[in-house]
C-alpha atoms as a PDB file:
ATOM      1  CA  MET A   1     -13.203  -6.967  -2.627  1.00  0.00           C
ATOM      2  CA  SER A   2     -12.843  -8.593  -5.978  1.00  0.00           C
ATOM      3  CA  ASN A   3     -11.917 -12.244  -6.208  1.00  0.00           C
ATOM      4  CA  HIS A   4      -8.253 -11.468  -6.716  1.00  0.00           C
ATOM      5  CA  ALA A   5      -5.654  -9.609  -4.560  1.00  0.00           C
ATOM      6  CA  PRO A   6      -4.685  -6.130  -5.634  1.00  0.00           C
ATOM      7  CA  PRO A   7      -1.461  -5.937  -7.617  1.00  0.00           C
ATOM      8  CA  ILE A   8       1.952  -5.606  -6.030  1.00  0.00           C
ATOM      9  CA  VAL A   9       3.125  -2.071  -6.832  1.00  0.00           C
ATOM     10  CA  TYR A  10       6.706  -1.605  -8.028  1.00  0.00           C
ATOM     11  CA  ILE A  11       8.361   1.822  -7.836  1.00  0.00           C
ATOM     12  CA  SER A  12      11.985   2.655  -8.417  1.00  0.00           C
ATOM     13  CA  ASP A  13      14.130   3.971  -5.661  1.00  0.00           C
ATOM     14  CA  GLU A  14      14.657   7.093  -7.752  1.00  0.00           C
ATOM     15  CA  LEU A  15      10.949   7.809  -8.088  1.00  0.00           C
ATOM     16  CA  SER A  16      10.309   7.019  -4.408  1.00  0.00           C
ATOM     17  CA  GLN A  17      13.038   9.453  -3.330  1.00  0.00           C
ATOM     18  CA  ARG A  18      11.711  12.001  -5.822  1.00  0.00           C
ATOM     19  CA  THR A  19       8.310  11.550  -4.186  1.00  0.00           C
ATOM     20  CA  ALA A  20       9.752  12.431  -0.750  1.00  0.00           C
ATOM     21  CA  GLY A  21      11.420  15.559  -2.181  1.00  0.00           C
ATOM     22  CA  LEU A  22       8.152  16.718  -3.742  1.00  0.00           C
ATOM     23  CA  LEU A  23       6.269  16.085  -0.496  1.00  0.00           C
ATOM     24  CA  ASP A  24       8.829  18.137   1.375  1.00  0.00           C
ATOM     25  CA  SER A  25       8.474  20.964  -1.179  1.00  0.00           C
ATOM     26  CA  PHE A  26       4.978  21.604   0.217  1.00  0.00           C
ATOM     27  CA  SER A  27       6.428  22.466   3.604  1.00  0.00           C
ATOM     28  CA  GLN A  28       9.217  24.845   2.583  1.00  0.00           C
ATOM     29  CA  ARG A  29       7.290  28.019   3.437  1.00  0.00           C
ATOM     30  CA  ARG A  30       5.311  26.760   6.338  1.00  0.00           C
ATOM     31  CA  PRO A  31       4.688  23.320   7.856  1.00  0.00           C
ATOM     32  CA  SER A  32       2.327  21.598   5.454  1.00  0.00           C
ATOM     33  CA  GLU A  33       1.399  18.107   4.316  1.00  0.00           C
ATOM     34  CA  GLY A  34       1.863  17.390   0.610  1.00  0.00           C
ATOM     35  CA  VAL A  35       0.598  14.912  -1.946  1.00  0.00           C
ATOM     36  CA  VAL A  36       2.004  13.181  -5.035  1.00  0.00           C
ATOM     37  CA  TYR A  37      -0.113  11.001  -7.375  1.00  0.00           C
ATOM     38  CA  TRP A  38       1.412   7.811  -8.730  1.00  0.00           C
ATOM     39  CA  PHE A  39       0.465   6.715 -12.307  1.00  0.00           C
ATOM     40  CA  GLY A  40       1.765   3.750 -14.168  1.00  0.00           C
ATOM     41  CA  ILE A  41       1.074   0.470 -15.947  1.00  0.00           C
ATOM     42  CA  ASP A  42      -1.205  -2.038 -14.283  1.00  0.00           C
ATOM     43  CA  GLN A  43      -0.701  -5.612 -15.436  1.00  0.00           C
ATOM     44  CA  GLY A  44      -3.140  -7.333 -13.215  1.00  0.00           C
ATOM     45  CA  ARG A  45      -0.893  -9.023 -10.592  1.00  0.00           C
ATOM     46  CA  THR A  46       1.697  -6.305 -10.772  1.00  0.00           C
ATOM     47  CA  ALA A  47       1.636  -2.552 -11.308  1.00  0.00           C
ATOM     48  CA  VAL A  48       4.659  -0.293 -12.046  1.00  0.00           C
ATOM     49  CA  VAL A  49       4.744   3.346 -11.160  1.00  0.00           C
ATOM     50  CA  THR A  50       6.268   5.308 -14.074  1.00  0.00           C
ATOM     51  CA  THR A  51       4.973   8.877 -13.521  1.00  0.00           C
ATOM     52  CA  LEU A  52       4.592  11.234 -10.621  1.00  0.00           C
ATOM     53  CA  ILE A  53       2.014  14.073 -10.778  1.00  0.00           C
ATOM     54  CA  VAL A  54       1.765  16.779  -8.157  1.00  0.00           C
ATOM     55  CA  PRO A  55      -1.807  18.123  -8.090  1.00  0.00           C
ATOM     56  CA  ASP A  56      -2.636  21.693  -7.219  1.00  0.00           C
ATOM     57  CA  ALA A  57      -3.587  21.106  -3.592  1.00  0.00           C
ATOM     58  CA  ASP A  58      -4.988  23.230  -0.778  1.00  0.00           C
ATOM     59  CA  THR A  59      -2.741  22.806   2.181  1.00  0.00           C
ATOM     60  CA  THR A  60      -3.793  25.832   4.237  1.00  0.00           C
ATOM     61  CA  GLY A  61      -5.741  23.888   7.014  1.00  0.00           C
ATOM     62  CA  GLY A  62      -2.875  21.606   8.013  1.00  0.00           C
ATOM     63  CA  VAL A  63      -4.203  18.850   5.737  1.00  0.00           C
ATOM     64  CA  VAL A  64      -4.118  18.188   1.985  1.00  0.00           C
ATOM     65  CA  ARG A  65      -7.259  18.730  -0.072  1.00  0.00           C
ATOM     66  CA  THR A  66      -7.645  18.611  -3.804  1.00  0.00           C
ATOM     67  CA  SER A  67     -10.483  19.948  -5.801  1.00  0.00           C
ATOM     68  CA  ALA A  68     -12.392  18.072  -8.471  1.00  0.00           C
ATOM     69  CA  ARG A  69     -10.690  20.505 -10.984  1.00  0.00           C
ATOM     70  CA  ALA A  70      -7.224  19.707  -9.633  1.00  0.00           C
ATOM     71  CA  ASN A  71      -7.883  15.964  -9.866  1.00  0.00           C
ATOM     72  CA  ALA A  72      -9.280  16.358 -13.392  1.00  0.00           C
ATOM     73  CA  ASP A  73      -6.119  18.305 -14.356  1.00  0.00           C
ATOM     74  CA  ALA A  74      -3.974  15.500 -13.066  1.00  0.00           C
ATOM     75  CA  ILE A  75      -5.936  12.844 -14.924  1.00  0.00           C
ATOM     76  CA  GLY A  76      -5.747  15.013 -17.982  1.00  0.00           C
ATOM     77  CA  VAL A  77      -1.978  14.607 -18.100  1.00  0.00           C
ATOM     78  CA  ILE A  78      -2.281  10.851 -18.764  1.00  0.00           C
ATOM     79  CA  VAL A  79      -5.363  10.853 -21.056  1.00  0.00           C
ATOM     80  CA  GLY A  80      -4.476   9.046 -24.256  1.00  0.00           C
ATOM     81  CA  THR A  81      -1.700   6.957 -22.572  1.00  0.00           C
ATOM     82  CA  PRO A  82      -1.838   3.456 -21.174  1.00  0.00           C
ATOM     83  CA  LEU A  83      -1.103   4.857 -17.636  1.00  0.00           C
ATOM     84  CA  VAL A  84      -3.635   4.483 -14.849  1.00  0.00           C
ATOM     85  CA  TYR A  85      -3.830   5.790 -11.307  1.00  0.00           C
ATOM     86  CA  ILE A  86      -2.067   3.419  -8.968  1.00  0.00           C
ATOM     87  CA  GLY A  87      -2.028   5.368  -5.689  1.00  0.00           C
ATOM     88  CA  GLN A  88      -0.516   8.338  -3.962  1.00  0.00           C
ATOM     89  CA  ALA A  89       1.897   9.331  -1.334  1.00  0.00           C
ATOM     90  CA  HIS A  90       1.104  12.087   1.141  1.00  0.00           C
ATOM     91  CA  SER A  91       2.931  13.342   4.096  1.00  0.00           C
ATOM     92  CA  HIS A  92       2.339  13.809   7.791  1.00  0.00           C
ATOM     93  CA  PRO A  93       4.129  16.246  10.052  1.00  0.00           C
ATOM     94  CA  GLY A  94       5.516  13.727  12.525  1.00  0.00           C
ATOM     95  CA  PRO A  95       6.098   9.973  12.909  1.00  0.00           C
ATOM     96  CA  GLN A  96       2.429   9.033  12.864  1.00  0.00           C
ATOM     97  CA  VAL A  97       1.592   7.433   9.540  1.00  0.00           C
ATOM     98  CA  GLY A  98      -1.875   6.058  10.008  1.00  0.00           C
ATOM     99  CA  HIS A  99      -4.788   7.224   7.864  1.00  0.00           C
ATOM    100  CA  SER A 100      -6.865   9.973   9.528  1.00  0.00           C
ATOM    101  CA  HIS A 101     -10.577  10.312   8.934  1.00  0.00           C
ATOM    102  CA  ILE A 102      -9.834  13.248   6.637  1.00  0.00           C
ATOM    103  CA  ASP A 103      -7.368  10.976   4.712  1.00  0.00           C
ATOM    104  CA  ASP A 104     -10.146   8.390   4.465  1.00  0.00           C
ATOM    105  CA  SER A 105     -12.768  10.882   3.208  1.00  0.00           C
ATOM    106  CA  ASP A 106     -10.655  13.188   1.061  1.00  0.00           C
ATOM    107  CA  THR A 107      -8.130  10.795  -0.635  1.00  0.00           C
ATOM    108  CA  PHE A 108      -8.471  11.014  -4.398  1.00  0.00           C
ATOM    109  CA  ALA A 109      -9.917   7.956  -6.162  1.00  0.00           C
ATOM    110  CA  ARG A 110     -11.274   5.823  -3.355  1.00  0.00           C
ATOM    111  CA  CYS A 111     -11.600   2.550  -5.254  1.00  0.00           C
ATOM    112  CA  ASP A 112     -10.498  -0.946  -4.398  1.00  0.00           C
ATOM    113  CA  GLY A 113      -6.793  -1.687  -4.907  1.00  0.00           C
ATOM    114  CA  ILE A 114      -5.545   1.913  -4.648  1.00  0.00           C
ATOM    115  CA  LEU A 115      -2.339   2.216  -2.648  1.00  0.00           C
ATOM    116  CA  PRO A 116      -1.971   5.288  -0.482  1.00  0.00           C
ATOM    117  CA  ILE A 117       1.296   5.699   1.338  1.00  0.00           C
ATOM    118  CA  VAL A 118       1.754   8.047   4.273  1.00  0.00           C
ATOM    119  CA  VAL A 119       5.341   9.422   4.551  1.00  0.00           C
ATOM    120  CA  PRO A 120       6.364  10.796   7.964  1.00  0.00           C
ATOM    121  CA  TRP A 121       8.078  14.115   8.684  1.00  0.00           C
ATOM    122  CA  PHE A 122       6.732  15.867   5.545  1.00  0.00           C
ATOM    123  CA  GLY A 123       9.024  13.602   3.453  1.00  0.00           C
ATOM    124  CA  ARG A 124      12.010  15.590   4.710  1.00  0.00           C
ATOM    125  CA  TYR A 125      14.119  12.570   5.529  1.00  0.00           C
ATOM    126  CA  GLY A 126      13.424  10.641   2.393  1.00  0.00           C
ATOM    127  CA  PHE A 127      11.195   7.724   1.534  1.00  0.00           C
ATOM    128  CA  ASN A 128      11.914   4.782   3.819  1.00  0.00           C
ATOM    129  CA  ILE A 129       9.204   2.213   3.312  1.00  0.00           C
ATOM    130  CA  ASP A 130       9.762   0.745   6.806  1.00  0.00           C
ATOM    131  CA  GLU A 131       8.815   4.154   8.319  1.00  0.00           C
ATOM    132  CA  CYS A 132       5.846   4.801   6.024  1.00  0.00           C
ATOM    133  CA  GLY A 133       2.228   3.835   6.541  1.00  0.00           C
ATOM    134  CA  VAL A 134       1.229   1.553   3.681  1.00  0.00           C
ATOM    135  CA  HIS A 135      -2.582   1.409   3.204  1.00  0.00           C
ATOM    136  CA  ARG A 136      -4.893  -0.250   0.620  1.00  0.00           C
ATOM    137  CA  HIS A 137      -8.460   0.521  -0.316  1.00  0.00           C
ATOM    138  CA  ILE A 138     -10.174  -2.781   0.294  1.00  0.00           C
ATOM    139  CA  ASP A 139     -13.932  -3.581   0.480  1.00  0.00           C
ATOM    140  CA  GLY A 140     -14.870   0.096   0.336  1.00  0.00           C
ATOM    141  CA  ARG A 141     -12.421   1.425   3.004  1.00  0.00           C
ATOM    142  CA  PHE A 142      -8.768   2.072   3.656  1.00  0.00           C
ATOM    143  CA  ARG A 143      -6.884  -0.474   5.660  1.00  0.00           C
ATOM    144  CA  ARG A 144      -3.275  -0.370   6.831  1.00  0.00           C
ATOM    145  CA  VAL A 145      -1.506  -3.401   5.521  1.00  0.00           C
ATOM    146  CA  GLU A 146       0.776  -5.655   7.633  1.00  0.00           C
ATOM    147  CA  ASN A 147       2.747  -7.525   4.912  1.00  0.00           C
ATOM    148  CA  VAL A 148       4.149  -4.465   3.151  1.00  0.00           C
ATOM    149  CA  ASP A 149       6.178  -6.597   0.659  1.00  0.00           C
ATOM    150  CA  ASP A 150       2.928  -8.083  -0.594  1.00  0.00           C
ATOM    151  CA  HIS A 151       1.750  -4.633  -1.639  1.00  0.00           C
ATOM    152  CA  ILE A 152       4.778  -2.511  -2.564  1.00  0.00           C
ATOM    153  CA  GLN A 153       8.381  -3.203  -3.707  1.00  0.00           C
ATOM    154  CA  ILE A 154      11.102  -0.659  -4.149  1.00  0.00           C
ATOM    155  CA  VAL A 155      13.359  -1.655  -7.072  1.00  0.00           C
ATOM    156  CA  PRO A 156      16.546  -0.089  -8.444  1.00  0.00           C
ATOM    157  CA  GLY A 157      15.994   2.810 -10.917  1.00  0.00           C
ATOM    158  CA  LEU A 158      19.512   2.589 -12.137  1.00  0.00           C
ATOM    159  CA  THR A 159      22.227   0.002 -11.620  1.00  0.00           C
ATOM    160  CA  ASP A 160      25.615   0.541 -13.136  1.00  0.00           C
ATOM    161  CA  LEU A 161      27.540  -2.706 -13.172  1.00  0.00           C
ATOM    162  CA  ARG A 162      30.507  -1.523 -15.239  1.00  0.00           C
ATOM    163  CA  THR A 163      33.870  -2.561 -13.809  1.00  0.00           C
ATOM    164  CA  THR A 164      36.022  -0.480 -16.161  1.00  0.00           C
ATOM    165  CA  ASN A 165      36.508   3.321 -16.315  1.00  0.00           C
ATOM    166  CA  GLY A 166      33.283   5.271 -16.266  1.00  0.00           C
ATOM    167  CA  GLY A 167      31.486   2.897 -13.894  1.00  0.00           C
ATOM    168  CA  ALA A 168      29.694   4.055 -10.802  1.00  0.00           C
ATOM    169  CA  GLN A 169      31.935   4.605  -7.834  1.00  0.00           C
ATOM    170  CA  ARG A 170      31.337   2.150  -4.982  1.00  0.00           C
END
């Protein structure tokens, strides 16, 4: 691994829940894993997810696979912007959120620092970081991280602090 730790990734609660909904959309016709790529701004010690891209994925074999073409199309969306690939979320059918050997070999962009998150139950019950498998690509392989807060933080996407009419209901 490089001499510095990978950045802490920040994602809004809104984008994390949207990620879960997109993952669940893969399993609407038949039980199937799904995948959502996370792009954003990398500032060295921190990275912020700003953009979700759902690649055209083959989910027929019970796992998620993307072709070189599908990945090129996903990258093509952000060409000419300051956005970079930060990681991805993909779903598993049950509570197991470890990285399988297929996840290890077929995950898009296997380079140090990438943050893949495994979301249980096809994402059907939302994105709860305490139930997810948080992994990092370190020293040429994926490792499940123990100190999740050192790798990903969920932040508010919207906070309405108005106390007069028109404010969010509490």
